[in-house]
């Protein structure tokens, strides 16, 4: 199962808030709304996939505002989700549908 999180970091005090949403489309709509607000220094979308055992994955979804493309970076944890690391795995996607397909195929898989 994939869980989508919109992560907001406030500009003034660096306080972080994470909002869980049901779909990638809902996460993107929410992120677009908050990106227009100067109150936040960072607005990111994460997709989490949980696998039995200690390995867990999440994907950071970054939107290139100039081109409208999405950079999907896979982050892997080997300590049960305490720490995640980007190991160079990921993909550029043109649409949210492509992003969702890539996440479903890679974040929830047992092996990469």
PDB file of N, CA and C in Angstrom:
ATOM      1  N   UNK A   1       0.835  -1.177   0.000  1.00  0.00           N
ATOM      2  CA  UNK A   1       0.000   0.000   0.000  1.00  0.00           C
ATOM      3  C   UNK A   1       0.883   1.245   0.000  1.00  0.00           C
ATOM      4  N   UNK A   2       0.501   2.240  -0.763  1.00  0.00           N
ATOM      5  CA  UNK A   2       1.248   3.484  -0.869  1.00  0.00           C
ATOM      6  C   UNK A   2       0.543   4.555  -0.045  1.00  0.00           C
ATOM      7  N   UNK A   3       1.310   5.301   0.742  1.00  0.00           N
ATOM      8  CA  UNK A   3       0.797   6.419   1.522  1.00  0.00           C
ATOM      9  C   UNK A   3       1.440   7.695   0.989  1.00  0.00           C
ATOM     10  N   UNK A   4       0.638   8.724   0.731  1.00  0.00           N
ATOM     11  CA  UNK A   4       1.141   9.997   0.215  1.00  0.00           C
ATOM     12  C   UNK A   4       1.158  11.040   1.324  1.00  0.00           C
ATOM     13  N   UNK A   5       2.271  11.760   1.419  1.00  0.00           N
ATOM     14  CA  UNK A   5       2.466  12.786   2.442  1.00  0.00           C
ATOM     15  C   UNK A   5       2.874  14.088   1.754  1.00  0.00           C
ATOM     16  N   UNK A   6       2.226  15.192   2.134  1.00  0.00           N
ATOM     17  CA  UNK A   6       2.675  16.521   1.718  1.00  0.00           C
ATOM     18  C   UNK A   6       3.425  17.092   2.912  1.00  0.00           C
ATOM     19  N   UNK A   7       4.702  17.401   2.705  1.00  0.00           N
ATOM     20  CA  UNK A   7       5.567  17.898   3.781  1.00  0.00           C
ATOM     21  C   UNK A   7       5.771  19.396   3.585  1.00  0.00           C
ATOM     22  N   UNK A   8       5.427  20.159   4.620  1.00  0.00           N
ATOM     23  CA  UNK A   8       5.520  21.620   4.571  1.00  0.00           C
ATOM     24  C   UNK A   8       6.529  22.106   5.602  1.00  0.00           C
ATOM     25  N   UNK A   9       7.449  22.954   5.171  1.00  0.00           N
ATOM     26  CA  UNK A   9       8.403  23.555   6.104  1.00  0.00           C
ATOM     27  C   UNK A   9       8.174  25.058   6.108  1.00  0.00           C
ATOM     28  N   UNK A  10       7.903  25.597   7.302  1.00  0.00           N
ATOM     29  CA  UNK A  10       7.609  27.024   7.417  1.00  0.00           C
ATOM     30  C   UNK A  10       8.877  27.846   7.245  1.00  0.00           C
ATOM     31  N   UNK A  11       8.737  28.975   6.590  1.00  0.00           N
ATOM     32  CA  UNK A  11       9.873  29.833   6.272  1.00  0.00           C
ATOM     33  C   UNK A  11      10.525  30.430   7.520  1.00  0.00           C
ATOM     34  N   UNK A  12       9.738  30.939   8.460  1.00  0.00           N
ATOM     35  CA  UNK A  12      10.290  31.679   9.595  1.00  0.00           C
ATOM     36  C   UNK A  12      10.936  30.807  10.665  1.00  0.00           C
ATOM     37  N   UNK A  13      10.295  29.726  11.040  1.00  0.00           N
ATOM     38  CA  UNK A  13      10.805  28.941  12.164  1.00  0.00           C
ATOM     39  C   UNK A  13      11.193  27.512  11.803  1.00  0.00           C
ATOM     40  N   UNK A  14      11.165  27.164  10.527  1.00  0.00           N
ATOM     41  CA  UNK A  14      11.533  25.830  10.035  1.00  0.00           C
ATOM     42  C   UNK A  14      10.689  24.709  10.640  1.00  0.00           C
ATOM     43  N   UNK A  15       9.546  25.050  11.206  1.00  0.00           N
ATOM     44  CA  UNK A  15       8.647  24.019  11.723  1.00  0.00           C
ATOM     45  C   UNK A  15       8.120  23.205  10.555  1.00  0.00           C
ATOM     46  N   UNK A  16       8.038  21.884  10.746  1.00  0.00           N
ATOM     47  CA  UNK A  16       7.629  20.975   9.678  1.00  0.00           C
ATOM     48  C   UNK A  16       6.276  20.366  10.022  1.00  0.00           C
ATOM     49  N   UNK A  17       5.412  20.330   9.022  1.00  0.00           N
ATOM     50  CA  UNK A  17       4.117  19.682   9.157  1.00  0.00           C
ATOM     51  C   UNK A  17       3.978  18.684   8.025  1.00  0.00           C
ATOM     52  N   UNK A  18       3.450  17.519   8.336  1.00  0.00           N
ATOM     53  CA  UNK A  18       3.216  16.497   7.323  1.00  0.00           C
ATOM     54  C   UNK A  18       1.729  16.176   7.287  1.00  0.00           C
ATOM     55  N   UNK A  19       1.161  16.208   6.074  1.00  0.00           N
ATOM     56  CA  UNK A  19      -0.262  15.952   5.894  1.00  0.00           C
ATOM     57  C   UNK A  19      -0.412  14.711   5.017  1.00  0.00           C
ATOM     58  N   UNK A  20      -1.112  13.712   5.536  1.00  0.00           N
ATOM     59  CA  UNK A  20      -1.345  12.479   4.771  1.00  0.00           C
ATOM     60  C   UNK A  20      -2.589  12.655   3.915  1.00  0.00           C
ATOM     61  N   UNK A  21      -2.474  12.262   2.649  1.00  0.00           N
ATOM     62  CA  UNK A  21      -3.609  12.334   1.724  1.00  0.00           C
ATOM     63  C   UNK A  21      -3.771  10.986   1.031  1.00  0.00           C
ATOM     64  N   UNK A  22      -4.932  10.784   0.431  1.00  0.00           N
ATOM     65  CA  UNK A  22      -5.277   9.470  -0.124  1.00  0.00           C
ATOM     66  C   UNK A  22      -4.665   9.183  -1.489  1.00  0.00           C
ATOM     67  N   UNK A  23      -4.511  10.218  -2.334  1.00  0.00           N
ATOM     68  CA  UNK A  23      -4.062   9.979  -3.706  1.00  0.00           C
ATOM     69  C   UNK A  23      -2.942  10.938  -4.090  1.00  0.00           C
ATOM     70  N   UNK A  24      -2.212  10.575  -5.118  1.00  0.00           N
ATOM     71  CA  UNK A  24      -1.167  11.438  -5.634  1.00  0.00           C
ATOM     72  C   UNK A  24      -1.755  12.722  -6.199  1.00  0.00           C
ATOM     73  N   UNK A  25      -2.880  12.624  -6.885  1.00  0.00           N
ATOM     74  CA  UNK A  25      -3.527  13.822  -7.445  1.00  0.00           C
ATOM     75  C   UNK A  25      -3.904  14.798  -6.336  1.00  0.00           C
ATOM     76  N   UNK A  26      -4.414  14.280  -5.233  1.00  0.00           N
ATOM     77  CA  UNK A  26      -4.774  15.135  -4.094  1.00  0.00           C
ATOM     78  C   UNK A  26      -3.521  15.783  -3.488  1.00  0.00           C
ATOM     79  N   UNK A  27      -2.439  15.023  -3.404  1.00  0.00           N
ATOM     80  CA  UNK A  27      -1.181  15.554  -2.879  1.00  0.00           C
ATOM     81  C   UNK A  27      -0.647  16.662  -3.778  1.00  0.00           C
ATOM     82  N   UNK A  28      -0.690  16.464  -5.086  1.00  0.00           N
ATOM     83  CA  UNK A  28      -0.199  17.477  -6.023  1.00  0.00           C
ATOM     84  C   UNK A  28      -1.046  18.740  -5.954  1.00  0.00           C
ATOM     85  N   UNK A  29      -2.356  18.583  -5.862  1.00  0.00           N
ATOM     86  CA  UNK A  29      -3.245  19.748  -5.762  1.00  0.00           C
ATOM     87  C   UNK A  29      -2.950  20.540  -4.490  1.00  0.00           C
ATOM     88  N   UNK A  30      -2.768  19.830  -3.385  1.00  0.00           N
ATOM     89  CA  UNK A  30      -2.461  20.497  -2.123  1.00  0.00           C
ATOM     90  C   UNK A  30      -1.098  21.179  -2.184  1.00  0.00           C
ATOM     91  N   UNK A  31      -0.103  20.492  -2.746  1.00  0.00           N
ATOM     92  CA  UNK A  31       1.238  21.056  -2.851  1.00  0.00           C
ATOM     93  C   UNK A  31       1.239  22.307  -3.724  1.00  0.00           C
ATOM     94  N   UNK A  32       0.533  22.275  -4.838  1.00  0.00           N
ATOM     95  CA  UNK A  32       0.439  23.451  -5.716  1.00  0.00           C
ATOM     96  C   UNK A  32      -0.139  24.641  -4.960  1.00  0.00           C
ATOM     97  N   UNK A  33      -1.154  24.394  -4.155  1.00  0.00           N
ATOM     98  CA  UNK A  33      -1.773  25.452  -3.357  1.00  0.00           C
ATOM     99  C   UNK A  33      -0.751  26.058  -2.385  1.00  0.00           C
ATOM    100  N   UNK A  34      -0.016  25.201  -1.667  1.00  0.00           N
ATOM    101  CA  UNK A  34       0.939  25.696  -0.673  1.00  0.00           C
ATOM    102  C   UNK A  34       2.179  26.309  -1.309  1.00  0.00           C
ATOM    103  N   UNK A  35       2.551  25.888  -2.512  1.00  0.00           N
ATOM    104  CA  UNK A  35       3.715  26.483  -3.185  1.00  0.00           C
ATOM    105  C   UNK A  35       3.477  27.949  -3.535  1.00  0.00           C
ATOM    106  N   UNK A  36       2.229  28.331  -3.696  1.00  0.00           N
ATOM    107  CA  UNK A  36       1.893  29.730  -4.007  1.00  0.00           C
ATOM    108  C   UNK A  36       1.986  30.623  -2.776  1.00  0.00           C
ATOM    109  N   UNK A  37       2.024  30.006  -1.604  1.00  0.00           N
ATOM    110  CA  UNK A  37       2.050  30.732  -0.336  1.00  0.00           C
ATOM    111  C   UNK A  37       3.499  30.982   0.070  1.00  0.00           C
ATOM    112  N   UNK A  38       3.862  32.219   0.327  1.00  0.00           N
ATOM    113  CA  UNK A  38       5.228  32.577   0.695  1.00  0.00           C
ATOM    114  C   UNK A  38       5.557  32.176   2.133  1.00  0.00           C
ATOM    115  N   UNK A  39       4.595  31.625   2.839  1.00  0.00           N
ATOM    116  CA  UNK A  39       4.766  31.232   4.235  1.00  0.00           C
ATOM    117  C   UNK A  39       5.665  30.010   4.368  1.00  0.00           C
ATOM    118  N   UNK A  40       5.766  29.187   3.307  1.00  0.00           N
ATOM    119  CA  UNK A  40       6.527  27.942   3.363  1.00  0.00           C
ATOM    120  C   UNK A  40       7.808  28.045   2.549  1.00  0.00           C
ATOM    121  N   UNK A  41       8.913  27.582   3.130  1.00  0.00           N
ATOM    122  CA  UNK A  41      10.186  27.579   2.410  1.00  0.00           C
ATOM    123  C   UNK A  41      10.338  26.313   1.571  1.00  0.00           C
ATOM    124  N   UNK A  42       9.600  25.265   1.951  1.00  0.00           N
ATOM    125  CA  UNK A  42       9.711  24.007   1.236  1.00  0.00           C
ATOM    126  C   UNK A  42       8.370  23.281   1.254  1.00  0.00           C
ATOM    127  N   UNK A  43       7.959  22.807   0.075  1.00  0.00           N
ATOM    128  CA  UNK A  43       6.753  21.987  -0.055  1.00  0.00           C
ATOM    129  C   UNK A  43       7.147  20.775  -0.887  1.00  0.00           C
ATOM    130  N   UNK A  44       7.060  19.579  -0.278  1.00  0.00           N
ATOM    131  CA  UNK A  44       7.478  18.360  -0.958  1.00  0.00           C
ATOM    132  C   UNK A  44       6.397  17.300  -0.834  1.00  0.00           C
ATOM    133  N   UNK A  45       6.379  16.394  -1.801  1.00  0.00           N
ATOM    134  CA  UNK A  45       5.462  15.258  -1.766  1.00  0.00           C
ATOM    135  C   UNK A  45       6.300  13.985  -1.616  1.00  0.00           C
ATOM    136  N   UNK A  46       5.892  13.152  -0.671  1.00  0.00           N
ATOM    137  CA  UNK A  46       6.524  11.855  -0.481  1.00  0.00           C
ATOM    138  C   UNK A  46       5.487  10.762  -0.666  1.00  0.00           C
ATOM    139  N   UNK A  47       5.927   9.634  -1.186  1.00  0.00           N
ATOM    140  CA  UNK A  47       5.097   8.437  -1.265  1.00  0.00           C
ATOM    141  C   UNK A  47       5.833   7.356  -0.491  1.00  0.00           C
ATOM    142  N   UNK A  48       5.175   6.758   0.488  1.00  0.00           N
ATOM    143  CA  UNK A  48       5.786   5.730   1.315  1.00  0.00           C
ATOM    144  C   UNK A  48       5.222   4.364   0.968  1.00  0.00           C
ATOM    145  N   UNK A  49       6.104   3.376   0.909  1.00  0.00           N
ATOM    146  CA  UNK A  49       5.695   1.990   0.730  1.00  0.00           C
ATOM    147  C   UNK A  49       6.298   1.161   1.840  1.00  0.00           C
ATOM    148  N   UNK A  50       5.524   0.320   2.444  1.00  0.00           N
ATOM    149  CA  UNK A  50       6.004  -0.486   3.557  1.00  0.00           C
ATOM    150  C   UNK A  50       6.077  -1.943   3.154  1.00  0.00           C
ATOM    151  N   UNK A  51       7.200  -2.551   3.448  1.00  0.00           N
ATOM    152  CA  UNK A  51       7.468  -3.928   3.079  1.00  0.00           C
ATOM    153  C   UNK A  51       7.764  -4.680   4.372  1.00  0.00           C
ATOM    154  N   UNK A  52       7.232  -5.892   4.540  1.00  0.00           N
ATOM    155  CA  UNK A  52       7.524  -6.648   5.764  1.00  0.00           C
ATOM    156  C   UNK A  52       9.033  -6.774   5.978  1.00  0.00           C
ATOM    157  N   UNK A  53       9.474  -6.658   7.203  1.00  0.00           N
ATOM    158  CA  UNK A  53      10.898  -6.718   7.515  1.00  0.00           C
ATOM    159  C   UNK A  53      11.438  -5.322   7.754  1.00  0.00           C
ATOM    160  N   UNK A  54      12.750  -5.178   7.634  1.00  0.00           N
ATOM    161  CA  UNK A  54      13.386  -3.911   7.955  1.00  0.00           C
ATOM    162  C   UNK A  54      13.479  -2.940   6.782  1.00  0.00           C
ATOM    163  N   UNK A  55      13.396  -3.434   5.548  1.00  0.00           N
ATOM    164  CA  UNK A  55      13.539  -2.537   4.398  1.00  0.00           C
ATOM    165  C   UNK A  55      12.247  -1.779   4.138  1.00  0.00           C
ATOM    166  N   UNK A  56      12.375  -0.491   3.990  1.00  0.00           N
ATOM    167  CA  UNK A  56      11.226   0.342   3.671  1.00  0.00           C
ATOM    168  C   UNK A  56      11.671   1.332   2.593  1.00  0.00           C
ATOM    169  N   UNK A  57      10.729   1.786   1.804  1.00  0.00           N
ATOM    170  CA  UNK A  57      11.040   2.734   0.738  1.00  0.00           C
ATOM    171  C   UNK A  57      10.097   3.910   0.776  1.00  0.00           C
ATOM    172  N   UNK A  58      10.611   5.029   0.284  1.00  0.00           N
ATOM    173  CA  UNK A  58       9.758   6.175   0.044  1.00  0.00           C
ATOM    174  C   UNK A  58      10.263   6.839  -1.229  1.00  0.00           C
ATOM    175  N   UNK A  59       9.398   7.598  -1.839  1.00  0.00           N
ATOM    176  CA  UNK A  59       9.782   8.337  -3.039  1.00  0.00           C
ATOM    177  C   UNK A  59       9.537   9.814  -2.786  1.00  0.00           C
ATOM    178  N   UNK A  60      10.517  10.620  -3.110  1.00  0.00           N
ATOM    179  CA  UNK A  60      10.372  12.066  -3.071  1.00  0.00           C
ATOM    180  C   UNK A  60       9.974  12.496  -4.473  1.00  0.00           C
ATOM    181  N   UNK A  61       8.883  13.249  -4.576  1.00  0.00           N
ATOM    182  CA  UNK A  61       8.373  13.676  -5.876  1.00  0.00           C
ATOM    183  C   UNK A  61       8.587  15.185  -5.984  1.00  0.00           C
ATOM    184  N   UNK A  62       9.485  15.576  -6.864  1.00  0.00           N
ATOM    185  CA  UNK A  62       9.814  16.987  -7.068  1.00  0.00           C
ATOM    186  C   UNK A  62       9.300  17.422  -8.428  1.00  0.00           C
ATOM    187  N   UNK A  63       8.634  18.557  -8.469  1.00  0.00           N
ATOM    188  CA  UNK A  63       8.117  19.053  -9.743  1.00  0.00           C
ATOM    189  C   UNK A  63       9.042  20.130 -10.288  1.00  0.00           C
ATOM    190  N   UNK A  64       9.445  19.978 -11.546  1.00  0.00           N
ATOM    191  CA  UNK A  64      10.219  21.006 -12.230  1.00  0.00           C
ATOM    192  C   UNK A  64       9.221  22.030 -12.745  1.00  0.00           C
ATOM    193  N   UNK A  65       9.157  23.169 -12.089  1.00  0.00           N
ATOM    194  CA  UNK A  65       8.153  24.176 -12.425  1.00  0.00           C
ATOM    195  C   UNK A  65       8.314  24.711 -13.848  1.00  0.00           C
ATOM    196  N   UNK A  66       9.546  24.767 -14.349  1.00  0.00           N
ATOM    197  CA  UNK A  66       9.780  25.306 -15.694  1.00  0.00           C
ATOM    198  C   UNK A  66       9.214  24.385 -16.783  1.00  0.00           C
ATOM    199  N   UNK A  67       9.438  23.099 -16.632  1.00  0.00           N
ATOM    200  CA  UNK A  67       9.035  22.153 -17.675  1.00  0.00           C
ATOM    201  C   UNK A  67       7.761  21.393 -17.334  1.00  0.00           C
ATOM    202  N   UNK A  68       7.361  21.400 -16.042  1.00  0.00           N
ATOM    203  CA  UNK A  68       6.171  20.678 -15.637  1.00  0.00           C
ATOM    204  C   UNK A  68       6.396  19.190 -15.436  1.00  0.00           C
ATOM    205  N   UNK A  69       7.641  18.742 -15.505  1.00  0.00           N
ATOM    206  CA  UNK A  69       7.965  17.329 -15.312  1.00  0.00           C
ATOM    207  C   UNK A  69       8.145  17.045 -13.829  1.00  0.00           C
ATOM    208  N   UNK A  70       8.129  15.747 -13.488  1.00  0.00           N
ATOM    209  CA  UNK A  70       8.309  15.313 -12.107  1.00  0.00           C
ATOM    210  C   UNK A  70       9.572  14.469 -11.991  1.00  0.00           C
ATOM    211  N   UNK A  71      10.390  14.769 -10.990  1.00  0.00           N
ATOM    212  CA  UNK A  71      11.577  13.990 -10.680  1.00  0.00           C
ATOM    213  C   UNK A  71      11.218  13.102  -9.494  1.00  0.00           C
ATOM    214  N   UNK A  72      11.149  11.794  -9.709  1.00  0.00           N
ATOM    215  CA  UNK A  72      10.786  10.854  -8.663  1.00  0.00           C
ATOM    216  C   UNK A  72      12.066  10.177  -8.186  1.00  0.00           C
ATOM    217  N   UNK A  73      12.437  10.425  -6.928  1.00  0.00           N
ATOM    218  CA  UNK A  73      13.658   9.862  -6.352  1.00  0.00           C
ATOM    219  C   UNK A  73      13.287   8.807  -5.319  1.00  0.00           C
ATOM    220  N   UNK A  74      13.789   7.588  -5.488  1.00  0.00           N
ATOM    221  CA  UNK A  74      13.536   6.525  -4.527  1.00  0.00           C
ATOM    222  C   UNK A  74      14.549   6.611  -3.391  1.00  0.00           C
ATOM    223  N   UNK A  75      14.057   6.605  -2.162  1.00  0.00           N
ATOM    224  CA  UNK A  75      14.888   6.619  -0.957  1.00  0.00           C
ATOM    225  C   UNK A  75      14.661   5.295  -0.234  1.00  0.00           C
ATOM    226  N   UNK A  76      15.726   4.679   0.248  1.00  0.00           N
ATOM    227  CA  UNK A  76      15.650   3.347   0.836  1.00  0.00           C
ATOM    228  C   UNK A  76      16.135   3.390   2.280  1.00  0.00           C
ATOM    229  N   UNK A  77      15.438   2.639   3.148  1.00  0.00           N
ATOM    230  CA  UNK A  77      15.832   2.486   4.543  1.00  0.00           C
ATOM    231  C   UNK A  77      16.120   1.013   4.793  1.00  0.00           C
ATOM    232  N   UNK A  78      17.212   0.738   5.503  1.00  0.00           N
ATOM    233  CA  UNK A  78      17.507  -0.647   5.888  1.00  0.00           C
ATOM    234  C   UNK A  78      17.390  -0.822   7.398  1.00  0.00           C
ATOM    235  N   UNK A  79      16.951   0.223   8.099  1.00  0.00           N
ATOM    236  CA  UNK A  79      16.844   0.154   9.556  1.00  0.00           C
ATOM    237  C   UNK A  79      15.398   0.304  10.037  1.00  0.00           C
ATOM    238  N   UNK A  80      14.464  -0.128   9.205  1.00  0.00           N
ATOM    239  CA  UNK A  80      13.065  -0.106   9.625  1.00  0.00           C
ATOM    240  C   UNK A  80      12.371   1.227   9.461  1.00  0.00           C
ATOM    241  N   UNK A  81      12.956   2.141   8.715  1.00  0.00           N
ATOM    242  CA  UNK A  81      12.310   3.423   8.457  1.00  0.00           C
ATOM    243  C   UNK A  81      12.821   4.560   9.315  1.00  0.00           C
ATOM    244  N   UNK A  82      13.873   4.334  10.094  1.00  0.00           N
ATOM    245  CA  UNK A  82      14.449   5.417  10.898  1.00  0.00           C
ATOM    246  C   UNK A  82      15.180   6.429  10.012  1.00  0.00           C
ATOM    247  N   UNK A  83      15.965   5.926   9.073  1.00  0.00           N
ATOM    248  CA  UNK A  83      16.758   6.770   8.177  1.00  0.00           C
ATOM    249  C   UNK A  83      16.535   6.309   6.746  1.00  0.00           C
ATOM    250  N   UNK A  84      16.418   7.270   5.844  1.00  0.00           N
ATOM    251  CA  UNK A  84      16.252   6.972   4.421  1.00  0.00           C
ATOM    252  C   UNK A  84      17.400   7.612   3.651  1.00  0.00           C
ATOM    253  N   UNK A  85      17.835   6.916   2.597  1.00  0.00           N
ATOM    254  CA  UNK A  85      18.953   7.406   1.789  1.00  0.00           C
ATOM    255  C   UNK A  85      18.593   7.337   0.314  1.00  0.00           C
ATOM    256  N   UNK A  86      19.013   8.369  -0.422  1.00  0.00           N
ATOM    257  CA  UNK A  86      18.840   8.391  -1.873  1.00  0.00           C
ATOM    258  C   UNK A  86      20.079   7.748  -2.478  1.00  0.00           C
ATOM    259  N   UNK A  87      19.872   6.718  -3.289  1.00  0.00           N
ATOM    260  CA  UNK A  87      20.988   5.948  -3.861  1.00  0.00           C
ATOM    261  C   UNK A  87      21.092   6.110  -5.376  1.00  0.00           C
ATOM    262  N   UNK A  88      20.512   7.155  -5.913  1.00  0.00           N
ATOM    263  CA  UNK A  88      20.591   7.384  -7.346  1.00  0.00           C
ATOM    264  C   UNK A  88      19.483   6.730  -8.150  1.00  0.00           C
ATOM    265  N   UNK A  89      18.535   6.091  -7.480  1.00  0.00           N
ATOM    266  CA  UNK A  89      17.432   5.438  -8.178  1.00  0.00           C
ATOM    267  C   UNK A  89      16.273   6.402  -8.341  1.00  0.00           C
ATOM    268  N   UNK A  90      15.660   6.386  -9.504  1.00  0.00           N
ATOM    269  CA  UNK A  90      14.516   7.247  -9.735  1.00  0.00           C
ATOM    270  C   UNK A  90      14.219   7.390 -11.213  1.00  0.00           C
ATOM    271  N   UNK A  91      13.364   8.356 -11.516  1.00  0.00           N
ATOM    272  CA  UNK A  91      12.939   8.534 -12.899  1.00  0.00           C
ATOM    273  C   UNK A  91      12.297   9.911 -13.078  1.00  0.00           C
ATOM    274  N   UNK A  92      12.440  10.462 -14.269  1.00  0.00           N
ATOM    275  CA  UNK A  92      11.712  11.664 -14.666  1.00  0.00           C
ATOM    276  C   UNK A  92      10.402  11.224 -15.310  1.00  0.00           C
ATOM    277  N   UNK A  93       9.299  11.844 -14.916  1.00  0.00           N
ATOM    278  CA  UNK A  93       7.984  11.509 -15.454  1.00  0.00           C
ATOM    279  C   UNK A  93       7.299  12.781 -15.961  1.00  0.00           C
ATOM    280  N   UNK A  94       6.541  12.643 -17.039  1.00  0.00           N
ATOM    281  CA  UNK A  94       5.840  13.798 -17.607  1.00  0.00           C
ATOM    282  C   UNK A  94       4.503  14.074 -16.931  1.00  0.00           C
ATOM    283  N   UNK A  95       3.824  13.037 -16.468  1.00  0.00           N
ATOM    284  CA  UNK A  95       2.470  13.207 -15.924  1.00  0.00           C
ATOM    285  C   UNK A  95       2.363  12.567 -14.543  1.00  0.00           C
ATOM    286  N   UNK A  96       1.319  12.961 -13.802  1.00  0.00           N
ATOM    287  CA  UNK A  96       1.053  12.342 -12.511  1.00  0.00           C
ATOM    288  C   UNK A  96       0.733  10.861 -12.658  1.00  0.00           C
ATOM    289  N   UNK A  97       0.105  10.489 -13.770  1.00  0.00           N
ATOM    290  CA  UNK A  97      -0.210   9.086 -14.016  1.00  0.00           C
ATOM    291  C   UNK A  97       1.072   8.266 -14.126  1.00  0.00           C
ATOM    292  N   UNK A  98       2.079   8.811 -14.822  1.00  0.00           N
ATOM    293  CA  UNK A  98       3.378   8.149 -14.938  1.00  0.00           C
ATOM    294  C   UNK A  98       4.046   8.018 -13.574  1.00  0.00           C
ATOM    295  N   UNK A  99       3.965   9.091 -12.780  1.00  0.00           N
ATOM    296  CA  UNK A  99       4.541   9.083 -11.438  1.00  0.00           C
ATOM    297  C   UNK A  99       3.894   7.989 -10.597  1.00  0.00           C
ATOM    298  N   UNK A 100       2.567   7.953 -10.610  1.00  0.00           N
ATOM    299  CA  UNK A 100       1.844   6.973  -9.812  1.00  0.00           C
ATOM    300  C   UNK A 100       2.174   5.545 -10.234  1.00  0.00           C
ATOM    301  N   UNK A 101       2.263   5.318 -11.524  1.00  0.00           N
ATOM    302  CA  UNK A 101       2.609   3.987 -12.025  1.00  0.00           C
ATOM    303  C   UNK A 101       4.011   3.591 -11.563  1.00  0.00           C
ATOM    304  N   UNK A 102       4.966   4.513 -11.688  1.00  0.00           N
ATOM    305  CA  UNK A 102       6.342   4.238 -11.274  1.00  0.00           C
ATOM    306  C   UNK A 102       6.406   3.944  -9.776  1.00  0.00           C
ATOM    307  N   UNK A 103       5.704   4.736  -8.976  1.00  0.00           N
ATOM    308  CA  UNK A 103       5.688   4.526  -7.525  1.00  0.00           C
ATOM    309  C   UNK A 103       5.082   3.175  -7.186  1.00  0.00           C
ATOM    310  N   UNK A 104       3.950   2.860  -7.793  1.00  0.00           N
ATOM    311  CA  UNK A 104       3.301   1.576  -7.506  1.00  0.00           C
ATOM    312  C   UNK A 104       4.181   0.396  -7.899  1.00  0.00           C
ATOM    313  N   UNK A 105       4.965   0.548  -8.952  1.00  0.00           N
ATOM    314  CA  UNK A 105       5.830  -0.533  -9.401  1.00  0.00           C
ATOM    315  C   UNK A 105       7.120  -0.653  -8.582  1.00  0.00           C
ATOM    316  N   UNK A 106       7.551   0.442  -7.937  1.00  0.00           N
ATOM    317  CA  UNK A 106       8.864   0.432  -7.299  1.00  0.00           C
ATOM    318  C   UNK A 106       8.872   0.660  -5.788  1.00  0.00           C
ATOM    319  N   UNK A 107       7.995   1.434  -5.267  1.00  0.00           N
ATOM    320  CA  UNK A 107       8.040   1.727  -3.840  1.00  0.00           C
ATOM    321  C   UNK A 107       7.534   0.546  -3.010  1.00  0.00           C
ATOM    322  N   UNK A 108       6.531  -0.156  -3.488  1.00  0.00           N
ATOM    323  CA  UNK A 108       5.980  -1.270  -2.737  1.00  0.00           C
ATOM    324  C   UNK A 108       6.582  -2.624  -3.047  1.00  0.00           C
ATOM    325  N   UNK A 109       7.538  -2.687  -3.963  1.00  0.00           N
ATOM    326  CA  UNK A 109       8.168  -3.972  -4.330  1.00  0.00           C
ATOM    327  C   UNK A 109       9.087  -4.478  -3.232  1.00  0.00           C
ATOM    328  N   UNK A 110       9.241  -5.795  -3.164  1.00  0.00           N
ATOM    329  CA  UNK A 110      10.127  -6.377  -2.146  1.00  0.00           C
ATOM    330  C   UNK A 110      11.587  -6.167  -2.497  1.00  0.00           C
ATOM    331  N   UNK A 111      11.939  -6.213  -3.761  1.00  0.00           N
ATOM    332  CA  UNK A 111      13.330  -6.041  -4.186  1.00  0.00           C
ATOM    333  C   UNK A 111      13.403  -5.046  -5.325  1.00  0.00           C
ATOM    334  N   UNK A 112      14.467  -4.269  -5.367  1.00  0.00           N
ATOM    335  CA  UNK A 112      14.704  -3.353  -6.483  1.00  0.00           C
ATOM    336  C   UNK A 112      15.638  -3.990  -7.473  1.00  0.00           C
TER     337      UNK A 112
END
